[in-house]
Full PDB file with SEQRES, HELIX, SHEET, SSBOND, CRYST1, ORIGX, SCALE, CONECT and MASTER records, all heavy atoms in Angstrom:
SEQRES   1 A   40  LYS GLY TYR THR LEU TYR GLY SER ILE PRO PRO MET ALA          
SEQRES   2 A   40  SER GLN GLU GLU TRP LEU GLU LEU ASN ALA SER ASN PHE          
SEQRES   3 A   40  GLU ILE ARG GLY GLU THR ALA LEU ALA LEU TRP LYS GLU          
SEQRES   4 A   40  LEU                                                          
HELIX    1 AA1 GLN A   15  GLU A   39  1                                  25    
CRYST1    1.000    1.000    1.000  90.00  90.00  90.00 P 1           1          
ORIGX1      1.000000  0.000000  0.000000        0.00000                         
ORIGX2      0.000000  1.000000  0.000000        0.00000                         
ORIGX3      0.000000  0.000000  1.000000        0.00000                         
SCALE1      1.000000  0.000000  0.000000        0.00000                         
SCALE2      0.000000  1.000000  0.000000        0.00000                         
SCALE3      0.000000  0.000000  1.000000        0.00000                         
ATOM      1  N   LYS A   1      10.062  54.041  26.714  1.00  0.00           N  
ATOM      2  CA  LYS A   1      10.319  54.026  28.227  1.00  0.00           C  
ATOM      3  C   LYS A   1      11.621  53.429  28.529  1.00  0.00           C  
ATOM      4  O   LYS A   1      12.079  53.154  29.664  1.00  0.00           O  
ATOM      5  CB  LYS A   1       9.224  53.178  28.948  1.00  0.00           C  
ATOM      6  CG  LYS A   1       7.851  53.901  28.793  1.00  0.00           C  
ATOM      7  CD  LYS A   1       6.919  53.119  29.740  1.00  0.00           C  
ATOM      8  CE  LYS A   1       5.473  53.916  29.755  1.00  0.00           C  
ATOM      9  NZ  LYS A   1       4.433  53.290  30.589  1.00  0.00           N  
ATOM     10  N   GLY A   2      12.542  53.206  27.514  1.00  0.00           N  
ATOM     11  CA  GLY A   2      13.860  52.834  27.774  1.00  0.00           C  
ATOM     12  C   GLY A   2      14.034  51.335  27.707  1.00  0.00           C  
ATOM     13  O   GLY A   2      15.238  50.878  28.013  1.00  0.00           O  
ATOM     14  N   TYR A   3      13.122  50.597  27.203  1.00  0.00           N  
ATOM     15  CA  TYR A   3      13.246  49.158  27.164  1.00  0.00           C  
ATOM     16  C   TYR A   3      14.236  48.775  26.066  1.00  0.00           C  
ATOM     17  O   TYR A   3      14.248  49.363  24.945  1.00  0.00           O  
ATOM     18  CB  TYR A   3      11.904  48.483  26.839  1.00  0.00           C  
ATOM     19  CG  TYR A   3      11.802  47.017  26.799  1.00  0.00           C  
ATOM     20  CD1 TYR A   3      11.630  46.352  28.059  1.00  0.00           C  
ATOM     21  CD2 TYR A   3      12.023  46.223  25.704  1.00  0.00           C  
ATOM     22  CE1 TYR A   3      11.518  44.930  28.004  1.00  0.00           C  
ATOM     23  CE2 TYR A   3      12.115  44.842  25.745  1.00  0.00           C  
ATOM     24  CZ  TYR A   3      11.817  44.200  26.932  1.00  0.00           C  
ATOM     25  OH  TYR A   3      11.794  42.836  26.925  1.00  0.00           O  
ATOM     26  N   THR A   4      15.162  47.827  26.316  1.00  0.00           N  
ATOM     27  CA  THR A   4      16.114  47.516  25.305  1.00  0.00           C  
ATOM     28  C   THR A   4      16.026  45.965  24.960  1.00  0.00           C  
ATOM     29  O   THR A   4      15.449  45.226  25.852  1.00  0.00           O  
ATOM     30  CB  THR A   4      17.584  47.803  25.824  1.00  0.00           C  
ATOM     31  OG1 THR A   4      17.768  47.045  27.004  1.00  0.00           O  
ATOM     32  CG2 THR A   4      17.740  49.184  26.113  1.00  0.00           C  
ATOM     33  N   LEU A   5      16.388  45.744  23.750  1.00  0.00           N  
ATOM     34  CA  LEU A   5      16.276  44.312  23.315  1.00  0.00           C  
ATOM     35  C   LEU A   5      17.718  43.558  23.770  1.00  0.00           C  
ATOM     36  O   LEU A   5      18.821  44.243  23.777  1.00  0.00           O  
ATOM     37  CB  LEU A   5      16.088  44.257  21.816  1.00  0.00           C  
ATOM     38  CG  LEU A   5      14.826  44.856  21.321  1.00  0.00           C  
ATOM     39  CD1 LEU A   5      14.798  44.910  19.829  1.00  0.00           C  
ATOM     40  CD2 LEU A   5      13.640  44.072  21.904  1.00  0.00           C  
ATOM     41  N   TYR A   6      17.654  42.310  23.937  1.00  0.00           N  
ATOM     42  CA  TYR A   6      18.814  41.599  24.148  1.00  0.00           C  
ATOM     43  C   TYR A   6      19.802  41.634  23.060  1.00  0.00           C  
ATOM     44  O   TYR A   6      19.397  41.589  21.759  1.00  0.00           O  
ATOM     45  CB  TYR A   6      18.512  40.240  24.629  1.00  0.00           C  
ATOM     46  CG  TYR A   6      17.896  40.011  25.931  1.00  0.00           C  
ATOM     47  CD1 TYR A   6      16.486  39.892  26.044  1.00  0.00           C  
ATOM     48  CD2 TYR A   6      18.609  39.998  27.047  1.00  0.00           C  
ATOM     49  CE1 TYR A   6      15.967  39.764  27.303  1.00  0.00           C  
ATOM     50  CE2 TYR A   6      18.108  39.930  28.301  1.00  0.00           C  
ATOM     51  CZ  TYR A   6      16.711  39.887  28.420  1.00  0.00           C  
ATOM     52  OH  TYR A   6      16.033  39.770  29.658  1.00  0.00           O  
ATOM     53  N   GLY A   7      20.989  41.726  23.254  1.00  0.00           N  
ATOM     54  CA  GLY A   7      22.084  41.829  22.220  1.00  0.00           C  
ATOM     55  C   GLY A   7      22.313  43.300  21.708  1.00  0.00           C  
ATOM     56  O   GLY A   7      23.082  43.388  20.912  1.00  0.00           O  
ATOM     57  N   SER A   8      21.631  44.205  22.400  1.00  0.00           N  
ATOM     58  CA  SER A   8      21.755  45.621  21.954  1.00  0.00           C  
ATOM     59  C   SER A   8      22.870  46.321  22.864  1.00  0.00           C  
ATOM     60  O   SER A   8      22.960  47.593  22.605  1.00  0.00           O  
ATOM     61  CB  SER A   8      20.435  46.325  22.007  1.00  0.00           C  
ATOM     62  OG  SER A   8      19.885  46.342  23.359  1.00  0.00           O  
ATOM     63  N   ILE A   9      23.363  45.795  23.833  1.00  0.00           N  
ATOM     64  CA  ILE A   9      24.394  46.381  24.632  1.00  0.00           C  
ATOM     65  C   ILE A   9      25.697  46.551  23.847  1.00  0.00           C  
ATOM     66  O   ILE A   9      26.168  45.645  23.358  1.00  0.00           O  
ATOM     67  CB  ILE A   9      24.772  45.556  25.896  1.00  0.00           C  
ATOM     68  CG1 ILE A   9      23.511  45.437  26.779  1.00  0.00           C  
ATOM     69  CG2 ILE A   9      25.931  46.193  26.667  1.00  0.00           C  
ATOM     70  CD1 ILE A   9      23.709  44.717  28.084  1.00  0.00           C  
ATOM     71  N   PRO A  10      26.099  47.768  23.663  1.00  0.00           N  
ATOM     72  CA  PRO A  10      27.354  48.007  22.747  1.00  0.00           C  
ATOM     73  C   PRO A  10      28.601  47.639  23.461  1.00  0.00           C  
ATOM     74  O   PRO A  10      28.573  47.349  24.664  1.00  0.00           O  
ATOM     75  CB  PRO A  10      27.287  49.539  22.664  1.00  0.00           C  
ATOM     76  CG  PRO A  10      26.599  50.086  23.905  1.00  0.00           C  
ATOM     77  CD  PRO A  10      25.544  48.995  24.240  1.00  0.00           C  
ATOM     78  N   PRO A  11      29.678  47.440  22.752  1.00  0.00           N  
ATOM     79  CA  PRO A  11      30.875  47.005  23.301  1.00  0.00           C  
ATOM     80  C   PRO A  11      31.421  48.081  24.335  1.00  0.00           C  
ATOM     81  O   PRO A  11      31.271  49.208  24.187  1.00  0.00           O  
ATOM     82  CB  PRO A  11      31.900  46.956  22.066  1.00  0.00           C  
ATOM     83  CG  PRO A  11      31.033  46.794  20.941  1.00  0.00           C  
ATOM     84  CD  PRO A  11      29.773  47.563  21.290  1.00  0.00           C  
ATOM     85  N   MET A  12      31.941  47.565  25.479  1.00  0.00           N  
ATOM     86  CA  MET A  12      32.361  48.453  26.585  1.00  0.00           C  
ATOM     87  C   MET A  12      33.855  48.390  26.764  1.00  0.00           C  
ATOM     88  O   MET A  12      34.438  47.204  26.449  1.00  0.00           O  
ATOM     89  CB  MET A  12      31.614  48.066  27.889  1.00  0.00           C  
ATOM     90  CG  MET A  12      30.100  48.281  27.792  1.00  0.00           C  
ATOM     91  SD  MET A  12      29.678  50.164  27.748  1.00  0.00           S  
ATOM     92  CE  MET A  12      27.982  49.918  27.510  1.00  0.00           C  
ATOM     93  N   ALA A  13      34.440  49.337  27.346  1.00  0.00           N  
ATOM     94  CA  ALA A  13      35.792  49.282  27.680  1.00  0.00           C  
ATOM     95  C   ALA A  13      36.167  48.450  28.887  1.00  0.00           C  
ATOM     96  O   ALA A  13      37.300  47.842  28.905  1.00  0.00           O  
ATOM     97  CB  ALA A  13      36.344  50.749  27.974  1.00  0.00           C  
ATOM     98  N   SER A  14      35.278  48.353  29.734  1.00  0.00           N  
ATOM     99  CA  SER A  14      35.467  47.508  30.936  1.00  0.00           C  
ATOM    100  C   SER A  14      34.401  46.677  31.406  1.00  0.00           C  
ATOM    101  O   SER A  14      33.199  46.952  30.907  1.00  0.00           O  
ATOM    102  CB  SER A  14      35.879  48.467  32.134  1.00  0.00           C  
ATOM    103  OG  SER A  14      34.728  49.284  32.475  1.00  0.00           O  
ATOM    104  N   GLN A  15      34.551  45.704  32.136  1.00  0.00           N  
ATOM    105  CA  GLN A  15      33.489  44.797  32.569  1.00  0.00           C  
ATOM    106  C   GLN A  15      32.636  45.613  33.566  1.00  0.00           C  
ATOM    107  O   GLN A  15      31.313  45.374  33.646  1.00  0.00           O  
ATOM    108  CB  GLN A  15      34.095  43.500  33.290  1.00  0.00           C  
ATOM    109  CG  GLN A  15      33.041  42.510  33.690  1.00  0.00           C  
ATOM    110  CD  GLN A  15      33.570  41.270  34.295  1.00  0.00           C  
ATOM    111  OE1 GLN A  15      34.707  41.309  34.926  1.00  0.00           O  
ATOM    112  NE2 GLN A  15      32.849  40.221  34.178  1.00  0.00           N  
ATOM    113  N   GLU A  16      33.116  46.533  34.275  1.00  0.00           N  
ATOM    114  CA  GLU A  16      32.295  47.303  35.200  1.00  0.00           C  
ATOM    115  C   GLU A  16      31.291  48.107  34.462  1.00  0.00           C  
ATOM    116  O   GLU A  16      30.160  48.185  34.881  1.00  0.00           O  
ATOM    117  CB  GLU A  16      33.158  48.346  36.024  1.00  0.00           C  
ATOM    118  CG  GLU A  16      34.058  47.490  37.045  1.00  0.00           C  
ATOM    119  CD  GLU A  16      35.237  46.741  36.494  1.00  0.00           C  
ATOM    120  OE1 GLU A  16      35.593  47.124  35.344  1.00  0.00           O  
ATOM    121  OE2 GLU A  16      35.670  45.817  37.109  1.00  0.00           O  
ATOM    122  N   GLU A  17      31.614  48.821  33.290  1.00  0.00           N  
ATOM    123  CA  GLU A  17      30.713  49.516  32.485  1.00  0.00           C  
ATOM    124  C   GLU A  17      29.646  48.575  31.942  1.00  0.00           C  
ATOM    125  O   GLU A  17      28.455  48.841  31.978  1.00  0.00           O  
ATOM    126  CB  GLU A  17      31.385  50.159  31.468  1.00  0.00           C  
ATOM    127  CG  GLU A  17      32.353  51.409  31.806  1.00  0.00           C  
ATOM    128  CD  GLU A  17      32.976  51.940  30.658  1.00  0.00           C  
ATOM    129  OE1 GLU A  17      33.617  51.172  29.824  1.00  0.00           O  
ATOM    130  OE2 GLU A  17      33.034  53.170  30.522  1.00  0.00           O  
ATOM    131  N   TRP A  18      30.072  47.420  31.578  1.00  0.00           N  
ATOM    132  CA  TRP A  18      29.061  46.502  30.838  1.00  0.00           C  
ATOM    133  C   TRP A  18      28.087  45.986  32.045  1.00  0.00           C  
ATOM    134  O   TRP A  18      26.749  46.079  31.680  1.00  0.00           O  
ATOM    135  CB  TRP A  18      29.899  45.252  30.386  1.00  0.00           C  
ATOM    136  CG  TRP A  18      29.092  44.206  29.703  1.00  0.00           C  
ATOM    137  CD1 TRP A  18      28.264  43.320  30.374  1.00  0.00           C  
ATOM    138  CD2 TRP A  18      29.031  43.914  28.310  1.00  0.00           C  
ATOM    139  NE1 TRP A  18      27.657  42.459  29.412  1.00  0.00           N  
ATOM    140  CE2 TRP A  18      28.172  42.844  28.219  1.00  0.00           C  
ATOM    141  CE3 TRP A  18      29.665  44.442  27.226  1.00  0.00           C  
ATOM    142  CZ2 TRP A  18      27.889  42.237  27.020  1.00  0.00           C  
ATOM    143  CZ3 TRP A  18      29.412  43.892  25.920  1.00  0.00           C  
ATOM    144  CH2 TRP A  18      28.585  42.799  25.834  1.00  0.00           C  
ATOM    145  N   LEU A  19      28.552  45.611  33.207  1.00  0.00           N  
ATOM    146  CA  LEU A  19      27.663  45.100  34.193  1.00  0.00           C  
ATOM    147  C   LEU A  19      26.662  46.279  34.662  1.00  0.00           C  
ATOM    148  O   LEU A  19      25.517  45.995  34.917  1.00  0.00           O  
ATOM    149  CB  LEU A  19      28.523  44.725  35.387  1.00  0.00           C  
ATOM    150  CG  LEU A  19      29.271  43.458  35.222  1.00  0.00           C  
ATOM    151  CD1 LEU A  19      30.243  43.079  36.312  1.00  0.00           C  
ATOM    152  CD2 LEU A  19      28.325  42.268  34.870  1.00  0.00           C  
ATOM    153  N   GLU A  20      27.195  47.510  34.675  1.00  0.00           N  
ATOM    154  CA  GLU A  20      26.361  48.652  35.216  1.00  0.00           C  
ATOM    155  C   GLU A  20      25.110  48.841  34.275  1.00  0.00           C  
ATOM    156  O   GLU A  20      24.044  49.029  34.587  1.00  0.00           O  
ATOM    157  CB  GLU A  20      27.088  49.871  35.309  1.00  0.00           C  
ATOM    158  CG  GLU A  20      26.368  51.129  35.730  1.00  0.00           C  
ATOM    159  CD  GLU A  20      27.188  52.293  35.968  1.00  0.00           C  
ATOM    160  OE1 GLU A  20      28.458  52.249  35.852  1.00  0.00           O  
ATOM    161  OE2 GLU A  20      26.612  53.323  36.216  1.00  0.00           O  
ATOM    162  N   LEU A  21      25.514  48.770  32.965  1.00  0.00           N  
ATOM    163  CA  LEU A  21      24.386  49.009  31.852  1.00  0.00           C  
ATOM    164  C   LEU A  21      23.425  47.775  32.012  1.00  0.00           C  
ATOM    165  O   LEU A  21      22.215  47.978  31.771  1.00  0.00           O  
ATOM    166  CB  LEU A  21      25.027  49.324  30.480  1.00  0.00           C  
ATOM    167  CG  LEU A  21      23.932  49.403  29.359  1.00  0.00           C  
ATOM    168  CD1 LEU A  21      23.183  50.654  29.706  1.00  0.00           C  
ATOM    169  CD2 LEU A  21      24.736  49.603  28.061  1.00  0.00           C  
ATOM    170  N   ASN A  22      23.992  46.678  32.129  1.00  0.00           N  
ATOM    171  CA  ASN A  22      23.236  45.363  31.999  1.00  0.00           C  
ATOM    172  C   ASN A  22      22.318  45.496  33.313  1.00  0.00           C  
ATOM    173  O   ASN A  22      21.101  45.041  33.159  1.00  0.00           O  
ATOM    174  CB  ASN A  22      24.062  44.145  31.966  1.00  0.00           C  
ATOM    175  CG  ASN A  22      23.227  42.962  31.589  1.00  0.00           C  
ATOM    176  OD1 ASN A  22      23.035  42.879  30.360  1.00  0.00           O  
ATOM    177  ND2 ASN A  22      22.893  42.187  32.660  1.00  0.00           N  
ATOM    178  N   ALA A  23      22.687  45.981  34.439  1.00  0.00           N  
ATOM    179  CA  ALA A  23      21.927  45.973  35.623  1.00  0.00           C  
ATOM    180  C   ALA A  23      20.798  46.896  35.412  1.00  0.00           C  
ATOM    181  O   ALA A  23      19.628  46.638  35.795  1.00  0.00           O  
ATOM    182  CB  ALA A  23      22.757  46.329  36.834  1.00  0.00           C  
ATOM    183  N   SER A  24      21.056  47.986  34.807  1.00  0.00           N  
ATOM    184  CA  SER A  24      20.070  49.060  34.518  1.00  0.00           C  
ATOM    185  C   SER A  24      18.960  48.380  33.593  1.00  0.00           C  
ATOM    186  O   SER A  24      17.734  48.570  33.784  1.00  0.00           O  
ATOM    187  CB  SER A  24      20.665  50.257  33.775  1.00  0.00           C  
ATOM    188  OG  SER A  24      19.647  51.172  33.454  1.00  0.00           O  
ATOM    189  N   ASN A  25      19.463  47.731  32.453  1.00  0.00           N  
ATOM    190  CA  ASN A  25      18.457  47.047  31.588  1.00  0.00           C  
ATOM    191  C   ASN A  25      17.562  46.017  32.269  1.00  0.00           C  
ATOM    192  O   ASN A  25      16.301  45.935  32.039  1.00  0.00           O  
ATOM    193  CB  ASN A  25      19.108  46.451  30.440  1.00  0.00           C  
ATOM    194  CG  ASN A  25      19.884  47.506  29.527  1.00  0.00           C  
ATOM    195  OD1 ASN A  25      19.472  48.525  29.594  1.00  0.00           O  
ATOM    196  ND2 ASN A  25      20.790  46.974  28.706  1.00  0.00           N  
ATOM    197  N   PHE A  26      18.218  45.270  33.131  1.00  0.00           N  
ATOM    198  CA  PHE A  26      17.549  44.272  34.103  1.00  0.00           C  
ATOM    199  C   PHE A  26      16.363  44.969  34.828  1.00  0.00           C  
ATOM    200  O   PHE A  26      15.243  44.384  34.969  1.00  0.00           O  
ATOM    201  CB  PHE A  26      18.435  43.480  34.960  1.00  0.00           C  
ATOM    202  CG  PHE A  26      17.852  42.528  35.769  1.00  0.00           C  
ATOM    203  CD1 PHE A  26      17.568  41.236  35.260  1.00  0.00           C  
ATOM    204  CD2 PHE A  26      17.617  42.667  37.088  1.00  0.00           C  
ATOM    205  CE1 PHE A  26      16.977  40.229  36.155  1.00  0.00           C  
ATOM    206  CE2 PHE A  26      17.036  41.717  37.974  1.00  0.00           C  
ATOM    207  CZ  PHE A  26      16.723  40.633  37.444  1.00  0.00           C  
ATOM    208  N   GLU A  27      16.758  46.086  35.515  1.00  0.00           N  
ATOM    209  CA  GLU A  27      15.767  46.735  36.268  1.00  0.00           C  
ATOM    210  C   GLU A  27      14.644  47.221  35.379  1.00  0.00           C  
ATOM    211  O   GLU A  27      13.391  47.230  35.893  1.00  0.00           O  
ATOM    212  CB  GLU A  27      16.425  47.969  36.935  1.00  0.00           C  
ATOM    213  CG  GLU A  27      15.515  48.668  37.898  1.00  0.00           C  
ATOM    214  CD  GLU A  27      16.305  49.768  38.845  1.00  0.00           C  
ATOM    215  OE1 GLU A  27      17.501  49.724  38.809  1.00  0.00           O  
ATOM    216  OE2 GLU A  27      15.603  50.514  39.451  1.00  0.00           O  
ATOM    217  N   ILE A  28      14.976  47.791  34.241  1.00  0.00           N  
ATOM    218  CA  ILE A  28      13.899  48.363  33.369  1.00  0.00           C  
ATOM    219  C   ILE A  28      12.998  47.241  32.926  1.00  0.00           C  
ATOM    220  O   ILE A  28      11.658  47.309  32.846  1.00  0.00           O  
ATOM    221  CB  ILE A  28      14.478  49.112  32.103  1.00  0.00           C  
ATOM    222  CG1 ILE A  28      15.116  50.251  32.728  1.00  0.00           C  
ATOM    223  CG2 ILE A  28      13.421  49.383  31.147  1.00  0.00           C  
ATOM    224  CD1 ILE A  28      15.906  51.117  31.526  1.00  0.00           C  
ATOM    225  N   ARG A  29      13.538  46.115  32.576  1.00  0.00           N  
ATOM    226  CA  ARG A  29      12.642  44.846  32.146  1.00  0.00           C  
ATOM    227  C   ARG A  29      11.873  44.435  33.336  1.00  0.00           C  
ATOM    228  O   ARG A  29      10.748  44.039  33.084  1.00  0.00           O  
ATOM    229  CB  ARG A  29      13.610  43.817  31.566  1.00  0.00           C  
ATOM    230  CG  ARG A  29      13.954  43.944  30.104  1.00  0.00           C  
ATOM    231  CD  ARG A  29      14.633  42.769  29.498  1.00  0.00           C  
ATOM    232  NE  ARG A  29      16.059  42.873  29.657  1.00  0.00           N  
ATOM    233  CZ  ARG A  29      16.927  43.462  28.921  1.00  0.00           C  
ATOM    234  NH1 ARG A  29      16.382  44.048  27.795  1.00  0.00           N  
ATOM    235  NH2 ARG A  29      18.205  43.417  29.121  1.00  0.00           N  
ATOM    236  N   GLY A  30      12.355  44.391  34.556  1.00  0.00           N  
ATOM    237  CA  GLY A  30      11.548  43.953  35.617  1.00  0.00           C  
ATOM    238  C   GLY A  30      10.458  44.876  35.760  1.00  0.00           C  
ATOM    239  O   GLY A  30       9.276  44.441  36.121  1.00  0.00           O  
ATOM    240  N   GLU A  31      10.669  46.114  35.882  1.00  0.00           N  
ATOM    241  CA  GLU A  31       9.593  47.165  35.938  1.00  0.00           C  
ATOM    242  C   GLU A  31       8.551  46.985  34.804  1.00  0.00           C  
ATOM    243  O   GLU A  31       7.356  47.228  35.156  1.00  0.00           O  
ATOM    244  CB  GLU A  31      10.233  48.573  35.998  1.00  0.00           C  
ATOM    245  CG  GLU A  31      11.018  48.854  37.300  1.00  0.00           C  
ATOM    246  CD  GLU A  31      11.733  50.216  37.148  1.00  0.00           C  
ATOM    247  OE1 GLU A  31      11.691  50.816  36.006  1.00  0.00           O  
ATOM    248  OE2 GLU A  31      12.410  50.551  38.204  1.00  0.00           O  
ATOM    249  N   THR A  32       9.027  46.764  33.580  1.00  0.00           N  
ATOM    250  CA  THR A  32       8.060  46.702  32.596  1.00  0.00           C  
ATOM    251  C   THR A  32       7.247  45.464  32.744  1.00  0.00           C  
ATOM    252  O   THR A  32       5.971  45.516  32.575  1.00  0.00           O  
ATOM    253  CB  THR A  32       8.937  46.563  31.239  1.00  0.00           C  
ATOM    254  OG1 THR A  32       9.736  47.626  31.083  1.00  0.00           O  
ATOM    255  CG2 THR A  32       7.995  46.243  30.000  1.00  0.00           C  
ATOM    256  N   ALA A  33       7.838  44.291  33.055  1.00  0.00           N  
ATOM    257  CA  ALA A  33       7.000  43.178  33.418  1.00  0.00           C  
ATOM    258  C   ALA A  33       5.988  43.294  34.399  1.00  0.00           C  
ATOM    259  O   ALA A  33       4.888  42.856  34.231  1.00  0.00           O  
ATOM    260  CB  ALA A  33       7.973  42.002  33.750  1.00  0.00           C  
ATOM    261  N   LEU A  34       6.362  43.912  35.548  1.00  0.00           N  
ATOM    262  CA  LEU A  34       5.338  44.161  36.596  1.00  0.00           C  
ATOM    263  C   LEU A  34       4.215  45.023  36.180  1.00  0.00           C  
ATOM    264  O   LEU A  34       3.019  44.844  36.515  1.00  0.00           O  
ATOM    265  CB  LEU A  34       6.150  44.707  37.825  1.00  0.00           C  
ATOM    266  CG  LEU A  34       5.271  45.018  39.056  1.00  0.00           C  
ATOM    267  CD1 LEU A  34       4.585  43.633  39.498  1.00  0.00           C  
ATOM    268  CD2 LEU A  34       6.058  45.641  40.199  1.00  0.00           C  
ATOM    269  N   ALA A  35       4.611  46.043  35.424  1.00  0.00           N  
ATOM    270  CA  ALA A  35       3.505  47.082  35.075  1.00  0.00           C  
ATOM    271  C   ALA A  35       2.513  46.455  34.039  1.00  0.00           C  
ATOM    272  O   ALA A  35       1.389  46.561  34.132  1.00  0.00           O  
ATOM    273  CB  ALA A  35       4.239  48.318  34.349  1.00  0.00           C  
ATOM    274  N   LEU A  36       3.156  45.566  33.101  1.00  0.00           N  
ATOM    275  CA  LEU A  36       2.284  44.903  32.138  1.00  0.00           C  
ATOM    276  C   LEU A  36       1.373  43.867  32.854  1.00  0.00           C  
ATOM    277  O   LEU A  36       0.223  43.605  32.407  1.00  0.00           O  
ATOM    278  CB  LEU A  36       3.058  44.252  30.956  1.00  0.00           C  
ATOM    279  CG  LEU A  36       3.705  45.207  30.052  1.00  0.00           C  
ATOM    280  CD1 LEU A  36       4.589  44.516  29.112  1.00  0.00           C  
ATOM    281  CD2 LEU A  36       2.762  46.119  29.323  1.00  0.00           C  
ATOM    282  N   TRP A  37       2.035  43.267  33.814  1.00  0.00           N  
ATOM    283  CA  TRP A  37       1.295  42.092  34.615  1.00  0.00           C  
ATOM    284  C   TRP A  37       0.037  42.816  35.293  1.00  0.00           C  
ATOM    285  O   TRP A  37      -1.114  42.202  35.327  1.00  0.00           O  
ATOM    286  CB  TRP A  37       2.083  41.511  35.512  1.00  0.00           C  
ATOM    287  CG  TRP A  37       1.505  40.274  36.261  1.00  0.00           C  
ATOM    288  CD1 TRP A  37       1.351  38.915  35.719  1.00  0.00           C  
ATOM    289  CD2 TRP A  37       0.777  40.406  37.526  1.00  0.00           C  
ATOM    290  NE1 TRP A  37       0.700  38.146  36.733  1.00  0.00           N  
ATOM    291  CE2 TRP A  37       0.293  39.034  37.768  1.00  0.00           C  
ATOM    292  CE3 TRP A  37       0.397  41.440  38.392  1.00  0.00           C  
ATOM    293  CZ2 TRP A  37      -0.422  38.700  38.979  1.00  0.00           C  
ATOM    294  CZ3 TRP A  37      -0.226  41.126  39.600  1.00  0.00           C  
ATOM    295  CH2 TRP A  37      -0.741  39.750  39.811  1.00  0.00           C  
ATOM    296  N   LYS A  38       0.227  43.912  35.890  1.00  0.00           N  
ATOM    297  CA  LYS A  38      -0.752  44.609  36.746  1.00  0.00           C  
ATOM    298  C   LYS A  38      -1.875  45.089  35.664  1.00  0.00           C  
ATOM    299  O   LYS A  38      -3.049  45.108  35.991  1.00  0.00           O  
ATOM    300  CB  LYS A  38      -0.256  45.735  37.468  1.00  0.00           C  
ATOM    301  CG  LYS A  38       0.707  45.358  38.656  1.00  0.00           C  
ATOM    302  CD  LYS A  38       1.076  46.545  39.394  1.00  0.00           C  
ATOM    303  CE  LYS A  38       1.997  46.174  40.559  1.00  0.00           C  
ATOM    304  NZ  LYS A  38       2.474  47.367  41.344  1.00  0.00           N  
ATOM    305  N   GLU A  39      -1.380  45.521  34.527  1.00  0.00           N  
ATOM    306  CA  GLU A  39      -2.389  45.949  33.502  1.00  0.00           C  
ATOM    307  C   GLU A  39      -3.275  45.049  32.933  1.00  0.00           C  
ATOM    308  O   GLU A  39      -4.512  45.118  32.776  1.00  0.00           O  
ATOM    309  CB  GLU A  39      -1.633  46.661  32.315  1.00  0.00           C  
ATOM    310  CG  GLU A  39      -2.477  47.281  31.201  1.00  0.00           C  
ATOM    311  CD  GLU A  39      -1.521  47.816  30.188  1.00  0.00           C  
ATOM    312  OE1 GLU A  39      -0.625  48.572  30.520  1.00  0.00           O  
ATOM    313  OE2 GLU A  39      -1.693  47.546  29.008  1.00  0.00           O  
ATOM    314  N   LEU A  40      -2.680  43.757  32.735  1.00  0.00           N  
ATOM    315  CA  LEU A  40      -3.418  42.666  32.030  1.00  0.00           C  
ATOM    316  C   LEU A  40      -4.146  41.703  33.105  1.00  0.00           C  
ATOM    317  O   LEU A  40      -5.155  41.144  32.854  1.00  0.00           O  
ATOM    318  CB  LEU A  40      -2.463  41.818  31.175  1.00  0.00           C  
ATOM    319  CG  LEU A  40      -3.038  40.688  30.399  1.00  0.00           C  
ATOM    320  CD1 LEU A  40      -4.175  41.201  29.433  1.00  0.00           C  
ATOM    321  CD2 LEU A  40      -2.111  39.887  29.691  1.00  0.00           C  
TER     322      LEU A  40                                                      
MASTER        0    0    0    1    0    0    0    6  321    1    0    4          
END                                                                             
């Protein structure tokens, strides 16, 4: 479902690219946490 492990963000040419991908990972992790919490 697109969950990524910390430290798996590849090197980026710019800080903007890095932040954009990190924000996406943050959203996925948040959605994952909420789904698992509701399930359990």
